[in-house]
Structure formats: C-alpha cells, structure tokens
Amino acid sequence: MKNIRNLFVLIFSIILLFVGVQSCSQYPETNTLKLVSNSDRVSKAWKVDNYKINGVDCTSQVFSSVEAYTKDGVYSSQGLTFGGTGTWAFQNNNTEIQITGTSNLTSRTLFILRLEDTQFWYYYMAGTDKKEFHFVRL
C-alpha cells in the first residue's frame, strides 16, 4: 500500500511540474516546453504564413516574403518593407528582437508572440498600426 501511495505522489508531482513549466512560457502564444535555446529556435529561414495589420488579414500583400536569422546575428529579408540585410539581437529578457542596419530602416523592435521550432510569430508597431507576422519554417 505504501508503494502505491509513493507511486501516486511521484506521478502527481511529475504532472504538476510539467504543467508548471508549460504555463511559464516566456512568450504569450508559446505553449511548448523549452528544450532548445531561443537563439537556436530563431536561427532559421522563415516564410510568411499570415500577416495582419490591426487585426485585418493582409497576407496577400507579403505572400512570398522570407526572413532568415543566423546564430552569429545576421538578419536578411526579402519581400518586406524593411527588407535587406542587417543584424539582429535579443533584448528585454529575450522577449524582443532588435533589427538594425537593413536597407530601408535604421532599427526596428519585434515583439515576440511565439517562438517554436516550426513557428515564429511577432508584431511591430508602425506608427499606430500593429503589424503582426506569423512565420513557418522554410
């Protein structure tokens, strides 16, 4: 009987730990357990899956747009208004990415919503417009 109780306590503790780790995600829309560093997760090529301006779907405006981030901090983009090549770096406790030096822009702050192995979501503010991008791994 004591072994069954100990097994129950162990299983219950593992479930609580798993739920606790899941609920402490760094990004508001991310639900996965973090096993890979943020830098490793973002350092990929990404293509636009969805694009919204102030909540209105505008995906057709950037349908073939692609972004790429490398582990050594190089950023490149094609098909976006701030396209070109520049640098990127995490800031504000890894909840934001600062893009600098692209062809049309000195810098832009991306506010991360979701950062997973196959999905990367962020938004940035352009004046009063909230521009939200949902990328999938290329």
C-alpha atoms as a PDB file:
ATOM      1  CA  MET A   1       0.000   0.000   0.000  1.00  0.00           C
ATOM      2  CA  LYS A   2       2.843   2.388   0.816  1.00  0.00           C
ATOM      3  CA  ASN A   3       4.468   1.725  -2.589  1.00  0.00           C
ATOM      4  CA  ILE A   4       1.223   2.589  -4.384  1.00  0.00           C
ATOM      5  CA  ARG A   5       0.931   5.844  -2.418  1.00  0.00           C
ATOM      6  CA  ASN A   6       4.567   6.745  -3.214  1.00  0.00           C
ATOM      7  CA  LEU A   7       3.986   5.988  -6.894  1.00  0.00           C
ATOM      8  CA  PHE A   8       0.868   8.179  -6.890  1.00  0.00           C
ATOM      9  CA  VAL A   9       2.787  11.050  -5.239  1.00  0.00           C
ATOM     10  CA  LEU A  10       5.604  10.713  -7.781  1.00  0.00           C
ATOM     11  CA  ILE A  11       3.236  10.709 -10.771  1.00  0.00           C
ATOM     12  CA  PHE A  12       1.263  13.647  -9.358  1.00  0.00           C
ATOM     13  CA  SER A  13       4.488  15.606  -8.780  1.00  0.00           C
ATOM     14  CA  ILE A  14       5.673  14.998 -12.343  1.00  0.00           C
ATOM     15  CA  ILE A  15       2.314  16.162 -13.722  1.00  0.00           C
ATOM     16  CA  LEU A  16       2.436  19.326 -11.604  1.00  0.00           C
ATOM     17  CA  LEU A  17       5.994  20.050 -12.704  1.00  0.00           C
ATOM     18  CA  PHE A  18       5.098  19.580 -16.371  1.00  0.00           C
ATOM     19  CA  VAL A  19       2.011  21.826 -16.106  1.00  0.00           C
ATOM     20  CA  GLY A  20       4.016  24.442 -14.204  1.00  0.00           C
ATOM     21  CA  VAL A  21       6.761  24.541 -16.826  1.00  0.00           C
ATOM     22  CA  GLN A  22       4.176  24.748 -19.621  1.00  0.00           C
ATOM     23  CA  SER A  23       2.389  27.684 -18.016  1.00  0.00           C
ATOM     24  CA  CYS A  24       5.600  29.683 -17.535  1.00  0.00           C
ATOM     25  CA  SER A  25       6.294  30.225 -21.221  1.00  0.00           C
ATOM     26  CA  GLN A  26       8.333  33.305 -21.999  1.00  0.00           C
ATOM     27  CA  TYR A  27       6.139  34.270 -24.946  1.00  0.00           C
ATOM     28  CA  PRO A  28       2.372  34.812 -24.727  1.00  0.00           C
ATOM     29  CA  GLU A  29       1.417  32.449 -27.574  1.00  0.00           C
ATOM     30  CA  THR A  30       4.010  29.716 -26.990  1.00  0.00           C
ATOM     31  CA  ASN A  31       2.819  26.533 -25.326  1.00  0.00           C
ATOM     32  CA  THR A  32       5.745  24.170 -25.705  1.00  0.00           C
ATOM     33  CA  LEU A  33       8.314  23.041 -23.184  1.00  0.00           C
ATOM     34  CA  LYS A  34      11.595  24.847 -23.789  1.00  0.00           C
ATOM     35  CA  LEU A  35      14.331  22.346 -24.629  1.00  0.00           C
ATOM     36  CA  VAL A  36      16.154  24.390 -27.285  1.00  0.00           C
ATOM     37  CA  SER A  37      17.657  27.851 -26.765  1.00  0.00           C
ATOM     38  CA  ASN A  38      15.843  30.898 -28.137  1.00  0.00           C
ATOM     39  CA  SER A  39      18.804  31.648 -30.397  1.00  0.00           C
ATOM     40  CA  ASP A  40      18.719  28.141 -31.881  1.00  0.00           C
ATOM     41  CA  ARG A  41      14.964  28.353 -32.433  1.00  0.00           C
ATOM     42  CA  VAL A  42      15.041  31.695 -34.263  1.00  0.00           C
ATOM     43  CA  SER A  43      18.191  30.919 -36.313  1.00  0.00           C
ATOM     44  CA  LYS A  44      16.419  29.566 -39.381  1.00  0.00           C
ATOM     45  CA  ALA A  45      14.786  30.684 -42.603  1.00  0.00           C
ATOM     46  CA  TRP A  46      11.104  31.590 -42.204  1.00  0.00           C
ATOM     47  CA  LYS A  47       8.322  32.238 -44.719  1.00  0.00           C
ATOM     48  CA  VAL A  48       5.179  34.289 -44.090  1.00  0.00           C
ATOM     49  CA  ASP A  49       2.120  32.202 -43.300  1.00  0.00           C
ATOM     50  CA  ASN A  50      -0.124  35.021 -42.069  1.00  0.00           C
ATOM     51  CA  TYR A  51       0.118  38.806 -41.893  1.00  0.00           C
ATOM     52  CA  LYS A  52      -2.287  41.192 -40.188  1.00  0.00           C
ATOM     53  CA  ILE A  53      -2.479  44.959 -39.878  1.00  0.00           C
ATOM     54  CA  ASN A  54      -4.543  45.962 -36.842  1.00  0.00           C
ATOM     55  CA  GLY A  55      -6.146  42.503 -36.868  1.00  0.00           C
ATOM     56  CA  VAL A  56      -7.138  42.589 -40.567  1.00  0.00           C
ATOM     57  CA  ASP A  57      -5.711  39.789 -42.744  1.00  0.00           C
ATOM     58  CA  CYS A  58      -3.315  41.252 -45.333  1.00  0.00           C
ATOM     59  CA  THR A  59      -1.339  38.078 -46.132  1.00  0.00           C
ATOM     60  CA  SER A  60      -1.696  38.610 -49.888  1.00  0.00           C
ATOM     61  CA  GLN A  61       0.484  41.752 -49.601  1.00  0.00           C
ATOM     62  CA  VAL A  62       3.512  39.735 -48.409  1.00  0.00           C
ATOM     63  CA  PHE A  63       2.668  36.260 -49.723  1.00  0.00           C
ATOM     64  CA  SER A  64       6.203  35.248 -50.800  1.00  0.00           C
ATOM     65  CA  SER A  65       8.140  37.097 -48.092  1.00  0.00           C
ATOM     66  CA  VAL A  66      11.012  35.342 -46.339  1.00  0.00           C
ATOM     67  CA  GLU A  67      13.195  36.191 -43.328  1.00  0.00           C
ATOM     68  CA  ALA A  68      16.368  34.475 -42.166  1.00  0.00           C
ATOM     69  CA  TYR A  69      18.275  34.744 -38.897  1.00  0.00           C
ATOM     70  CA  THR A  70      21.715  33.229 -38.303  1.00  0.00           C
ATOM     71  CA  LYS A  71      23.293  32.279 -34.983  1.00  0.00           C
ATOM     72  CA  ASP A  72      26.006  34.897 -35.478  1.00  0.00           C
ATOM     73  CA  GLY A  73      23.416  37.731 -35.595  1.00  0.00           C
ATOM     74  CA  VAL A  74      22.915  38.264 -39.329  1.00  0.00           C
ATOM     75  CA  TYR A  75      19.385  39.096 -40.475  1.00  0.00           C
ATOM     76  CA  SER A  76      18.090  39.064 -44.036  1.00  0.00           C
ATOM     77  CA  SER A  77      14.678  39.633 -45.534  1.00  0.00           C
ATOM     78  CA  GLN A  78      13.058  39.552 -48.951  1.00  0.00           C
ATOM     79  CA  GLY A  79       9.634  40.905 -49.846  1.00  0.00           C
ATOM     80  CA  LEU A  80       9.064  43.020 -46.730  1.00  0.00           C
ATOM     81  CA  THR A  81       9.096  46.806 -46.425  1.00  0.00           C
ATOM     82  CA  PHE A  82      12.174  46.635 -44.189  1.00  0.00           C
ATOM     83  CA  GLY A  83      13.928  44.135 -46.446  1.00  0.00           C
ATOM     84  CA  GLY A  84      17.632  43.728 -46.954  1.00  0.00           C
ATOM     85  CA  THR A  85      20.466  42.550 -44.772  1.00  0.00           C
ATOM     86  CA  GLY A  86      21.339  43.723 -41.292  1.00  0.00           C
ATOM     87  CA  THR A  87      21.862  42.405 -37.798  1.00  0.00           C
ATOM     88  CA  TRP A  88      19.582  41.085 -35.089  1.00  0.00           C
ATOM     89  CA  ALA A  89      19.866  40.660 -31.330  1.00  0.00           C
ATOM     90  CA  PHE A  90      17.575  39.656 -28.494  1.00  0.00           C
ATOM     91  CA  GLN A  91      16.722  42.326 -25.970  1.00  0.00           C
ATOM     92  CA  ASN A  92      14.427  42.839 -22.984  1.00  0.00           C
ATOM     93  CA  ASN A  93      14.967  39.377 -21.481  1.00  0.00           C
ATOM     94  CA  ASN A  94      14.701  37.680 -24.920  1.00  0.00           C
ATOM     95  CA  THR A  95      11.113  38.880 -25.436  1.00  0.00           C
ATOM     96  CA  GLU A  96      12.077  41.246 -28.253  1.00  0.00           C
ATOM     97  CA  ILE A  97      14.397  41.225 -31.248  1.00  0.00           C
ATOM     98  CA  GLN A  98      16.138  44.389 -32.388  1.00  0.00           C
ATOM     99  CA  ILE A  99      16.746  44.501 -36.160  1.00  0.00           C
ATOM    100  CA  THR A 100      19.354  47.076 -37.260  1.00  0.00           C
ATOM    101  CA  GLY A 101      21.014  48.147 -40.472  1.00  0.00           C
ATOM    102  CA  THR A 102      18.534  46.885 -43.063  1.00  0.00           C
ATOM    103  CA  SER A 103      18.298  48.841 -46.309  1.00  0.00           C
ATOM    104  CA  ASN A 104      15.145  50.853 -45.538  1.00  0.00           C
ATOM    105  CA  LEU A 105      15.464  51.116 -41.775  1.00  0.00           C
ATOM    106  CA  THR A 106      17.925  52.006 -39.055  1.00  0.00           C
ATOM    107  CA  SER A 107      16.257  49.806 -36.457  1.00  0.00           C
ATOM    108  CA  ARG A 108      13.009  48.054 -35.617  1.00  0.00           C
ATOM    109  CA  THR A 109      11.846  46.247 -32.481  1.00  0.00           C
ATOM    110  CA  LEU A 110       9.996  42.966 -32.982  1.00  0.00           C
ATOM    111  CA  PHE A 111       7.812  41.858 -30.056  1.00  0.00           C
ATOM    112  CA  ILE A 112       7.840  38.054 -29.955  1.00  0.00           C
ATOM    113  CA  LEU A 113       4.487  36.310 -29.542  1.00  0.00           C
ATOM    114  CA  ARG A 114       5.508  32.730 -30.338  1.00  0.00           C
ATOM    115  CA  LEU A 115       8.898  31.153 -30.902  1.00  0.00           C
ATOM    116  CA  GLU A 116       8.913  27.432 -31.544  1.00  0.00           C
ATOM    117  CA  ASP A 117      10.908  25.133 -33.777  1.00  0.00           C
ATOM    118  CA  THR A 118       8.395  25.404 -36.639  1.00  0.00           C
ATOM    119  CA  GLN A 119       6.604  28.690 -35.884  1.00  0.00           C
ATOM    120  CA  PHE A 120       7.757  32.243 -35.233  1.00  0.00           C
ATOM    121  CA  TRP A 121       5.217  34.998 -34.548  1.00  0.00           C
ATOM    122  CA  TYR A 122       5.902  38.625 -33.803  1.00  0.00           C
ATOM    123  CA  TYR A 123       4.484  42.075 -34.192  1.00  0.00           C
ATOM    124  CA  TYR A 124       5.922  45.543 -34.506  1.00  0.00           C
ATOM    125  CA  MET A 125       4.380  48.979 -34.360  1.00  0.00           C
ATOM    126  CA  ALA A 126       4.486  51.291 -37.404  1.00  0.00           C
ATOM    127  CA  GLY A 127       3.091  54.495 -36.008  1.00  0.00           C
ATOM    128  CA  THR A 128      -0.315  53.481 -34.653  1.00  0.00           C
ATOM    129  CA  ASP A 129      -0.535  50.347 -36.827  1.00  0.00           C
ATOM    130  CA  LYS A 130       0.150  46.962 -35.262  1.00  0.00           C
ATOM    131  CA  LYS A 131       1.707  44.703 -37.907  1.00  0.00           C
ATOM    132  CA  GLU A 132       1.638  41.053 -36.889  1.00  0.00           C
ATOM    133  CA  PHE A 133       3.517  38.312 -38.740  1.00  0.00           C
ATOM    134  CA  HIS A 134       3.125  34.561 -38.391  1.00  0.00           C
ATOM    135  CA  PHE A 135       6.023  32.688 -39.986  1.00  0.00           C
ATOM    136  CA  VAL A 136       6.549  28.991 -40.562  1.00  0.00           C
ATOM    137  CA  ARG A 137       9.863  27.274 -41.009  1.00  0.00           C
ATOM    138  CA  LEU A 138      11.073  27.259 -44.598  1.00  0.00           C
END
